[in-house]
Amino acid sequence: MRPGTQTFTMLGITLLAVLAPGCMPAPQRVSLVPGVAVAPERELAIWRGAHADTLHVIRLTDSTVSGVPLQSPPECDSCRVSLALTQVDSTTRTHPPRHWLSLALPAAAAVAFAGVWTWGD
């Protein structure tokens, strides 16, 4: 490897690891319209003030929104929480399980960084 190339390669890999999470899709605002079905696999963050509940298997009526907390299995009807629509400040669509790129790209960059560091001479 030419002198200085290892430094630039490691700098590039480090930048990739730092900037890659910025490529993640941002949460998108969703309007809850009574009478309109929400896809069963859809996950929504239901915001009330500074607190959000992330729910799936969402049901919407004229006055309430209900769903199962994300950490509970979809079949758990006893886990279902219900909120009055008047309590809901906003809703955002989340991207299930924190998109694989958020871990894969920095991990790949770390492996490449270690490879350049170890075998770059």
N, C-alpha and C. Protein backbone atom coordinates (compact mmCIF):
# COMPACT_ATOMS: atom_id res chain seq x y z
N MET A 1 0.84 -1.16 0.00
CA MET A 1 0.00 0.00 0.00
C MET A 1 0.90 1.24 0.00
N ARG A 2 0.54 2.23 -0.80
CA ARG A 2 1.33 3.45 -0.86
C ARG A 2 1.26 4.21 0.46
N PRO A 3 2.34 4.92 0.82
CA PRO A 3 2.33 5.70 2.06
C PRO A 3 1.17 6.71 2.06
N GLY A 4 0.49 6.82 3.16
CA GLY A 4 -0.62 7.76 3.28
C GLY A 4 -1.97 7.17 2.86
N THR A 5 -1.94 6.11 2.05
CA THR A 5 -3.19 5.51 1.57
C THR A 5 -3.98 4.92 2.72
N GLN A 6 -3.28 4.30 3.67
CA GLN A 6 -3.94 3.68 4.81
C GLN A 6 -4.71 4.74 5.61
N THR A 7 -4.11 5.91 5.79
CA THR A 7 -4.75 6.98 6.56
C THR A 7 -6.03 7.44 5.87
N PHE A 8 -5.97 7.65 4.53
CA PHE A 8 -7.16 8.10 3.80
C PHE A 8 -8.23 7.01 3.77
N THR A 9 -7.83 5.77 3.68
CA THR A 9 -8.79 4.67 3.69
C THR A 9 -9.49 4.61 5.03
N MET A 10 -8.73 4.72 6.11
CA MET A 10 -9.32 4.68 7.44
C MET A 10 -10.23 5.88 7.68
N LEU A 11 -9.85 7.05 7.16
CA LEU A 11 -10.68 8.23 7.28
C LEU A 11 -12.01 8.02 6.55
N GLY A 12 -11.94 7.47 5.34
CA GLY A 12 -13.16 7.20 4.57
C GLY A 12 -14.07 6.21 5.26
N ILE A 13 -13.50 5.17 5.82
CA ILE A 13 -14.29 4.16 6.53
C ILE A 13 -14.91 4.75 7.79
N THR A 14 -14.16 5.57 8.49
CA THR A 14 -14.69 6.22 9.69
C THR A 14 -15.86 7.14 9.33
N LEU A 15 -15.71 7.92 8.26
CA LEU A 15 -16.80 8.79 7.82
C LEU A 15 -18.03 7.98 7.45
N LEU A 16 -17.84 6.85 6.78
CA LEU A 16 -18.96 5.98 6.43
C LEU A 16 -19.69 5.51 7.69
N ALA A 17 -18.94 5.08 8.69
CA ALA A 17 -19.55 4.58 9.93
C ALA A 17 -20.31 5.68 10.66
N VAL A 18 -19.79 6.90 10.62
CA VAL A 18 -20.42 8.00 11.34
C VAL A 18 -21.65 8.52 10.59
N LEU A 19 -21.56 8.60 9.26
CA LEU A 19 -22.64 9.20 8.48
C LEU A 19 -23.73 8.23 8.03
N ALA A 20 -23.45 6.94 8.02
CA ALA A 20 -24.42 5.95 7.54
C ALA A 20 -25.77 6.01 8.27
N PRO A 21 -25.79 6.16 9.59
CA PRO A 21 -27.10 6.23 10.24
C PRO A 21 -27.95 7.41 9.77
N GLY A 22 -27.33 8.44 9.22
CA GLY A 22 -28.08 9.57 8.68
C GLY A 22 -28.89 9.21 7.45
N CYS A 23 -28.60 8.08 6.84
CA CYS A 23 -29.34 7.62 5.67
C CYS A 23 -30.61 6.87 6.05
N MET A 24 -30.83 6.72 7.34
CA MET A 24 -32.03 6.02 7.81
C MET A 24 -33.27 6.83 7.46
N PRO A 25 -34.35 6.14 7.12
CA PRO A 25 -35.58 6.89 6.83
C PRO A 25 -36.10 7.57 8.09
N ALA A 26 -36.56 8.79 7.92
CA ALA A 26 -37.09 9.55 9.05
C ALA A 26 -38.54 9.14 9.31
N PRO A 27 -38.99 9.24 10.56
CA PRO A 27 -40.40 8.96 10.83
C PRO A 27 -41.29 9.92 10.04
N GLN A 28 -42.42 9.43 9.58
CA GLN A 28 -43.34 10.25 8.79
C GLN A 28 -44.63 10.46 9.56
N ARG A 29 -45.13 11.69 9.54
CA ARG A 29 -46.40 11.99 10.20
C ARG A 29 -47.53 11.28 9.49
N VAL A 30 -48.49 10.81 10.26
CA VAL A 30 -49.64 10.10 9.74
C VAL A 30 -50.89 10.73 10.35
N SER A 31 -51.90 10.97 9.54
CA SER A 31 -53.17 11.47 10.05
C SER A 31 -54.08 10.29 10.32
N LEU A 32 -54.68 10.28 11.50
CA LEU A 32 -55.64 9.24 11.84
C LEU A 32 -57.02 9.71 11.39
N VAL A 33 -57.60 8.97 10.48
CA VAL A 33 -58.92 9.31 9.96
C VAL A 33 -59.90 8.24 10.43
N PRO A 34 -60.86 8.62 11.29
CA PRO A 34 -61.82 7.63 11.77
C PRO A 34 -62.52 6.93 10.60
N GLY A 35 -62.64 5.62 10.73
CA GLY A 35 -63.30 4.83 9.69
C GLY A 35 -62.34 4.29 8.64
N VAL A 36 -61.10 4.77 8.63
CA VAL A 36 -60.10 4.29 7.67
C VAL A 36 -59.23 3.26 8.38
N ALA A 37 -59.13 2.09 7.80
CA ALA A 37 -58.37 1.00 8.42
C ALA A 37 -56.87 1.27 8.35
N VAL A 38 -56.18 0.83 9.38
CA VAL A 38 -54.72 0.91 9.43
C VAL A 38 -54.21 -0.50 9.15
N ALA A 39 -53.25 -0.63 8.24
CA ALA A 39 -52.71 -1.94 7.90
C ALA A 39 -52.23 -2.66 9.16
N PRO A 40 -52.54 -3.96 9.29
CA PRO A 40 -52.20 -4.69 10.52
C PRO A 40 -50.71 -4.70 10.85
N GLU A 41 -49.86 -4.68 9.84
CA GLU A 41 -48.42 -4.72 10.10
C GLU A 41 -47.83 -3.34 10.37
N ARG A 42 -48.63 -2.30 10.24
CA ARG A 42 -48.16 -0.93 10.44
C ARG A 42 -47.87 -0.65 11.91
N GLU A 43 -46.76 0.00 12.16
CA GLU A 43 -46.40 0.44 13.51
C GLU A 43 -46.50 1.96 13.55
N LEU A 44 -47.17 2.45 14.57
CA LEU A 44 -47.32 3.90 14.72
C LEU A 44 -46.86 4.32 16.11
N ALA A 45 -46.20 5.46 16.14
CA ALA A 45 -45.87 6.10 17.42
C ALA A 45 -46.99 7.10 17.70
N ILE A 46 -47.72 6.88 18.78
CA ILE A 46 -48.83 7.74 19.17
C ILE A 46 -48.30 8.71 20.22
N TRP A 47 -48.24 9.99 19.85
CA TRP A 47 -47.63 11.01 20.73
C TRP A 47 -48.68 11.70 21.57
N ARG A 48 -48.38 11.83 22.86
CA ARG A 48 -49.16 12.62 23.82
C ARG A 48 -48.15 13.46 24.57
N GLY A 49 -48.06 14.72 24.25
CA GLY A 49 -47.04 15.57 24.85
C GLY A 49 -45.66 15.09 24.43
N ALA A 50 -44.78 14.89 25.41
CA ALA A 50 -43.41 14.45 25.12
C ALA A 50 -43.28 12.93 25.17
N HIS A 51 -44.39 12.22 25.34
CA HIS A 51 -44.36 10.76 25.48
C HIS A 51 -45.00 10.11 24.25
N ALA A 52 -44.39 9.04 23.77
CA ALA A 52 -44.95 8.30 22.64
C ALA A 52 -45.09 6.84 23.00
N ASP A 53 -46.21 6.25 22.60
CA ASP A 53 -46.42 4.81 22.71
C ASP A 53 -46.33 4.26 21.29
N THR A 54 -45.45 3.29 21.08
CA THR A 54 -45.35 2.66 19.76
C THR A 54 -46.23 1.43 19.77
N LEU A 55 -47.22 1.44 18.89
CA LEU A 55 -48.22 0.39 18.85
C LEU A 55 -48.26 -0.29 17.49
N HIS A 56 -48.74 -1.53 17.49
CA HIS A 56 -49.04 -2.23 16.25
C HIS A 56 -50.41 -2.88 16.39
N VAL A 57 -50.91 -3.49 15.34
CA VAL A 57 -52.26 -4.06 15.29
C VAL A 57 -53.25 -2.98 15.75
N ILE A 58 -53.26 -1.87 15.05
CA ILE A 58 -54.00 -0.68 15.45
C ILE A 58 -55.44 -0.74 14.96
N ARG A 59 -56.35 -0.36 15.86
CA ARG A 59 -57.77 -0.24 15.53
C ARG A 59 -58.19 1.20 15.79
N LEU A 60 -58.99 1.71 14.89
CA LEU A 60 -59.40 3.11 14.96
C LEU A 60 -60.92 3.19 14.93
N THR A 61 -61.50 3.90 15.89
CA THR A 61 -62.94 4.16 15.89
C THR A 61 -63.14 5.66 15.75
N ASP A 62 -64.39 6.09 15.85
CA ASP A 62 -64.67 7.52 15.74
C ASP A 62 -64.05 8.35 16.85
N SER A 63 -63.83 7.73 18.02
CA SER A 63 -63.33 8.51 19.15
C SER A 63 -62.07 7.95 19.80
N THR A 64 -61.63 6.74 19.43
CA THR A 64 -60.46 6.15 20.07
C THR A 64 -59.51 5.52 19.06
N VAL A 65 -58.28 5.38 19.51
CA VAL A 65 -57.29 4.59 18.78
C VAL A 65 -56.77 3.57 19.79
N SER A 66 -56.67 2.33 19.36
CA SER A 66 -56.14 1.32 20.26
C SER A 66 -55.13 0.48 19.50
N GLY A 67 -54.24 -0.13 20.25
CA GLY A 67 -53.22 -0.98 19.65
C GLY A 67 -52.46 -1.73 20.73
N VAL A 68 -51.66 -2.65 20.27
CA VAL A 68 -50.85 -3.48 21.15
C VAL A 68 -49.45 -2.87 21.21
N PRO A 69 -48.89 -2.68 22.41
CA PRO A 69 -47.52 -2.15 22.50
C PRO A 69 -46.56 -3.02 21.68
N LEU A 70 -45.61 -2.38 21.06
CA LEU A 70 -44.70 -3.06 20.14
C LEU A 70 -43.96 -4.22 20.78
N GLN A 71 -43.64 -4.12 22.06
CA GLN A 71 -42.89 -5.19 22.72
C GLN A 71 -43.76 -6.41 23.03
N SER A 72 -45.09 -6.30 22.84
CA SER A 72 -46.00 -7.42 23.08
C SER A 72 -46.36 -8.09 21.76
N PRO A 73 -46.69 -9.38 21.79
CA PRO A 73 -47.06 -10.06 20.55
C PRO A 73 -48.40 -9.53 20.03
N PRO A 74 -48.59 -9.52 18.73
CA PRO A 74 -49.82 -8.99 18.14
C PRO A 74 -51.09 -9.67 18.65
N GLU A 75 -50.99 -10.92 19.05
CA GLU A 75 -52.17 -11.68 19.49
C GLU A 75 -52.62 -11.31 20.91
N CYS A 76 -51.87 -10.49 21.61
CA CYS A 76 -52.14 -10.21 23.03
C CYS A 76 -53.23 -9.14 23.17
N ASP A 77 -54.50 -9.59 23.19
CA ASP A 77 -55.61 -8.64 23.36
C ASP A 77 -55.64 -8.03 24.75
N SER A 78 -55.15 -8.75 25.76
CA SER A 78 -55.14 -8.18 27.11
C SER A 78 -54.08 -7.08 27.24
N CYS A 79 -53.13 -7.02 26.29
CA CYS A 79 -52.09 -5.98 26.31
C CYS A 79 -52.55 -4.70 25.62
N ARG A 80 -53.66 -4.78 24.88
CA ARG A 80 -54.13 -3.65 24.07
C ARG A 80 -54.39 -2.42 24.93
N VAL A 81 -53.91 -1.28 24.46
CA VAL A 81 -54.16 0.00 25.12
C VAL A 81 -55.06 0.84 24.23
N SER A 82 -55.87 1.67 24.84
CA SER A 82 -56.82 2.49 24.10
C SER A 82 -56.67 3.94 24.55
N LEU A 83 -56.68 4.84 23.59
CA LEU A 83 -56.55 6.27 23.88
C LEU A 83 -57.66 7.03 23.15
N ALA A 84 -58.19 8.04 23.80
CA ALA A 84 -59.15 8.92 23.14
C ALA A 84 -58.41 9.74 22.09
N LEU A 85 -59.01 9.92 20.95
CA LEU A 85 -58.36 10.70 19.89
C LEU A 85 -58.07 12.13 20.35
N THR A 86 -58.85 12.63 21.29
CA THR A 86 -58.62 13.99 21.80
C THR A 86 -57.32 14.08 22.60
N GLN A 87 -56.81 12.93 23.10
CA GLN A 87 -55.54 12.89 23.85
C GLN A 87 -54.33 12.83 22.94
N VAL A 88 -54.53 12.48 21.69
CA VAL A 88 -53.42 12.25 20.76
C VAL A 88 -52.98 13.57 20.13
N ASP A 89 -51.70 13.90 20.32
CA ASP A 89 -51.15 15.12 19.71
C ASP A 89 -50.78 14.89 18.25
N SER A 90 -50.10 13.78 18.00
CA SER A 90 -49.71 13.45 16.62
C SER A 90 -49.37 11.97 16.55
N THR A 91 -49.26 11.49 15.33
CA THR A 91 -48.86 10.10 15.10
C THR A 91 -47.79 10.08 14.02
N THR A 92 -46.81 9.22 14.21
CA THR A 92 -45.77 9.05 13.20
C THR A 92 -45.62 7.57 12.89
N ARG A 93 -45.32 7.30 11.64
CA ARG A 93 -45.08 5.92 11.21
C ARG A 93 -43.64 5.58 11.51
N THR A 94 -43.45 4.46 12.17
CA THR A 94 -42.09 4.03 12.47
C THR A 94 -41.65 3.03 11.40
N HIS A 95 -40.38 2.76 11.37
CA HIS A 95 -39.84 1.82 10.39
C HIS A 95 -39.36 0.59 11.14
N PRO A 96 -40.04 -0.54 10.93
CA PRO A 96 -39.74 -1.73 11.72
C PRO A 96 -38.31 -2.18 11.57
N PRO A 97 -38.00 -3.02 12.40
CA PRO A 97 -37.03 -3.05 13.47
C PRO A 97 -35.79 -2.23 13.22
N ARG A 98 -35.98 -0.96 13.38
CA ARG A 98 -34.86 0.00 13.29
C ARG A 98 -33.92 -0.35 12.17
N HIS A 99 -34.44 -0.39 11.03
CA HIS A 99 -33.80 -0.71 9.76
C HIS A 99 -32.40 -1.31 9.91
N TRP A 100 -32.16 -2.41 9.26
CA TRP A 100 -30.92 -3.18 9.40
C TRP A 100 -29.68 -2.36 9.06
N LEU A 101 -29.82 -1.31 8.25
CA LEU A 101 -28.66 -0.50 7.88
C LEU A 101 -28.05 0.23 9.07
N SER A 102 -28.89 0.52 10.08
CA SER A 102 -28.37 1.25 11.24
C SER A 102 -27.29 0.47 11.97
N LEU A 103 -27.30 -0.85 11.84
CA LEU A 103 -26.26 -1.67 12.45
C LEU A 103 -25.28 -2.23 11.42
N ALA A 104 -25.78 -2.59 10.25
CA ALA A 104 -24.95 -3.28 9.26
C ALA A 104 -23.84 -2.39 8.69
N LEU A 105 -24.16 -1.17 8.31
CA LEU A 105 -23.13 -0.31 7.71
C LEU A 105 -22.02 0.06 8.69
N PRO A 106 -22.35 0.51 9.91
CA PRO A 106 -21.26 0.78 10.84
C PRO A 106 -20.45 -0.47 11.19
N ALA A 107 -21.12 -1.62 11.27
CA ALA A 107 -20.40 -2.87 11.57
C ALA A 107 -19.45 -3.22 10.42
N ALA A 108 -19.93 -3.08 9.19
CA ALA A 108 -19.08 -3.35 8.03
C ALA A 108 -17.91 -2.38 7.98
N ALA A 109 -18.17 -1.12 8.32
CA ALA A 109 -17.10 -0.13 8.34
C ALA A 109 -16.07 -0.48 9.42
N ALA A 110 -16.52 -0.94 10.56
CA ALA A 110 -15.59 -1.32 11.63
C ALA A 110 -14.72 -2.50 11.22
N VAL A 111 -15.33 -3.48 10.54
CA VAL A 111 -14.56 -4.63 10.06
C VAL A 111 -13.53 -4.18 9.03
N ALA A 112 -13.96 -3.32 8.10
CA ALA A 112 -13.03 -2.81 7.09
C ALA A 112 -11.91 -2.00 7.74
N PHE A 113 -12.26 -1.19 8.72
CA PHE A 113 -11.28 -0.39 9.45
C PHE A 113 -10.24 -1.30 10.10
N ALA A 114 -10.72 -2.35 10.76
CA ALA A 114 -9.80 -3.30 11.41
C ALA A 114 -8.93 -4.00 10.38
N GLY A 115 -9.50 -4.33 9.24
CA GLY A 115 -8.72 -4.99 8.18
C GLY A 115 -7.62 -4.09 7.65
N VAL A 116 -7.96 -2.83 7.39
CA VAL A 116 -6.96 -1.90 6.89
C VAL A 116 -5.88 -1.68 7.95
N TRP A 117 -6.30 -1.56 9.19
CA TRP A 117 -5.35 -1.32 10.29
C TRP A 117 -4.40 -2.51 10.47
N THR A 118 -4.96 -3.72 10.41
CA THR A 118 -4.18 -4.93 10.67
C THR A 118 -3.30 -5.34 9.49
N TRP A 119 -3.90 -5.35 8.30
CA TRP A 119 -3.18 -5.88 7.12
C TRP A 119 -2.76 -4.81 6.13
N GLY A 120 -2.83 -3.55 6.54
CA GLY A 120 -2.54 -2.47 5.60
C GLY A 120 -1.07 -2.24 5.31
N ASP A 121 -0.19 -2.85 6.05
CA ASP A 121 1.25 -2.59 5.85
C ASP A 121 1.80 -3.26 4.64
